[in-house]
Amino acid sequence: MAMNNPQRPQSNTNNAVSAAENFLADLKERAEEAFNRDDKFMFSLMKQLIGVTSPIVTKALARYHREERARINGLGKDKHNQTGSNRTTRLGD
């Protein structure tokens, strides 16, 4: 998970996110093309594929964004913990 490895490379994940979004967009474009051609078989097939694919992509994107927020929050906590260890108490302990 993102919390375990806050320094993970983002380029591969960003590419995967873009690929998933592009894949879903491509399915939607194909559905519209099939509809415009009055190709009922392909339109029906694309509708079913979009119905299955869309929730999967939506959940994956939501997970990605949650992990990104957790990673960023973890970076803030790491920085806070580093500065917090240098502090002294009121009594100088």
Protein backbone atom coordinates (compact mmCIF):
# COMPACT_ATOMS: atom_id res chain seq x y z
CA MET A 1 0.00 0.00 0.00
CA ALA A 2 0.98 3.63 -0.29
CA MET A 3 1.49 4.04 3.45
CA ASN A 4 4.15 1.33 3.48
CA ASN A 5 6.19 2.87 0.69
CA PRO A 6 5.76 6.65 0.58
CA GLN A 7 8.60 7.12 -1.92
CA ARG A 8 7.21 4.85 -4.67
CA PRO A 9 7.59 5.96 -8.29
CA GLN A 10 4.48 7.66 -9.60
CA SER A 11 5.06 7.41 -13.36
CA ASN A 12 3.99 3.75 -13.70
CA THR A 13 0.88 4.32 -11.62
CA ASN A 14 -0.01 7.49 -13.52
CA ASN A 15 0.42 5.60 -16.80
CA ALA A 16 -1.86 2.83 -15.56
CA VAL A 17 -4.49 5.35 -14.45
CA SER A 18 -4.37 7.07 -17.83
CA ALA A 19 -4.57 3.73 -19.62
CA ALA A 20 -7.65 2.72 -17.62
CA GLU A 21 -9.36 6.04 -18.31
CA ASN A 22 -8.46 5.84 -22.00
CA PHE A 23 -9.71 2.26 -22.23
CA LEU A 24 -13.10 3.24 -20.83
CA ALA A 25 -13.27 6.31 -23.08
CA ASP A 26 -12.44 4.11 -26.09
CA LEU A 27 -15.28 1.73 -25.23
CA LYS A 28 -17.68 4.68 -25.02
CA GLU A 29 -16.50 6.02 -28.38
CA ARG A 30 -16.99 2.61 -29.97
CA ALA A 31 -20.48 2.42 -28.51
CA GLU A 32 -21.36 5.78 -30.03
CA GLU A 33 -19.91 4.76 -33.38
CA ALA A 34 -21.91 1.53 -33.34
CA PHE A 35 -25.05 3.47 -32.46
CA ASN A 36 -24.45 5.94 -35.31
CA ARG A 37 -23.91 3.03 -37.74
CA ASP A 38 -27.10 1.40 -36.41
CA ASP A 39 -25.05 -1.69 -35.57
CA LYS A 40 -27.30 -3.09 -32.86
CA PHE A 41 -25.12 -6.10 -32.12
CA MET A 42 -21.93 -4.09 -31.49
CA PHE A 43 -23.86 -1.38 -29.65
CA SER A 44 -25.36 -3.99 -27.34
CA LEU A 45 -21.95 -5.56 -26.79
CA MET A 46 -20.32 -2.19 -26.04
CA LYS A 47 -23.10 -1.32 -23.58
CA GLN A 48 -22.45 -4.55 -21.70
CA LEU A 49 -18.69 -4.02 -21.71
CA ILE A 50 -19.10 -0.45 -20.45
CA GLY A 51 -21.48 -1.67 -17.75
CA VAL A 52 -18.86 -4.11 -16.48
CA THR A 53 -15.78 -1.96 -17.05
CA SER A 54 -17.00 1.38 -15.72
CA PRO A 55 -17.42 0.34 -12.06
CA ILE A 56 -14.06 -1.45 -12.11
CA VAL A 57 -12.26 1.61 -13.48
CA THR A 58 -14.15 3.94 -11.13
CA LYS A 59 -13.19 1.87 -8.07
CA ALA A 60 -9.57 1.62 -9.21
CA LEU A 61 -9.36 5.39 -9.74
CA ALA A 62 -10.91 6.06 -6.34
CA ARG A 63 -8.38 3.66 -4.75
CA TYR A 64 -5.53 5.42 -6.55
CA HIS A 65 -6.67 8.82 -5.29
CA ARG A 66 -7.11 7.51 -1.72
CA GLU A 67 -3.61 6.05 -1.81
CA GLU A 68 -2.20 9.31 -3.13
CA ARG A 69 -3.84 11.26 -0.32
CA ALA A 70 -2.52 8.77 2.21
CA ARG A 71 0.97 9.00 0.73
CA ILE A 72 0.90 12.79 0.86
CA ASN A 73 -0.47 12.76 4.41
CA GLY A 74 2.27 10.32 5.35
CA LEU A 75 4.88 12.68 3.97
CA GLY A 76 3.49 15.43 6.18
CA LYS A 77 3.55 13.17 9.22
CA ASP A 78 7.13 12.11 8.52
CA LYS A 79 8.20 15.74 8.32
CA HIS A 80 6.29 16.58 11.51
CA ASN A 81 7.89 13.64 13.37
CA GLN A 82 11.36 14.70 12.27
CA THR A 83 10.92 18.23 13.57
CA GLY A 84 9.08 17.02 16.68
CA SER A 85 12.00 14.91 17.89
CA ASN A 86 14.24 17.98 18.13
CA ARG A 87 11.89 19.80 20.48
CA THR A 88 12.50 20.11 24.21
CA THR A 89 9.90 20.12 26.92
CA ARG A 90 9.07 23.12 29.03
CA LEU A 91 11.17 21.81 31.86
CA GLY A 92 14.16 21.18 29.65
CA ASP A 93 13.97 17.38 29.96
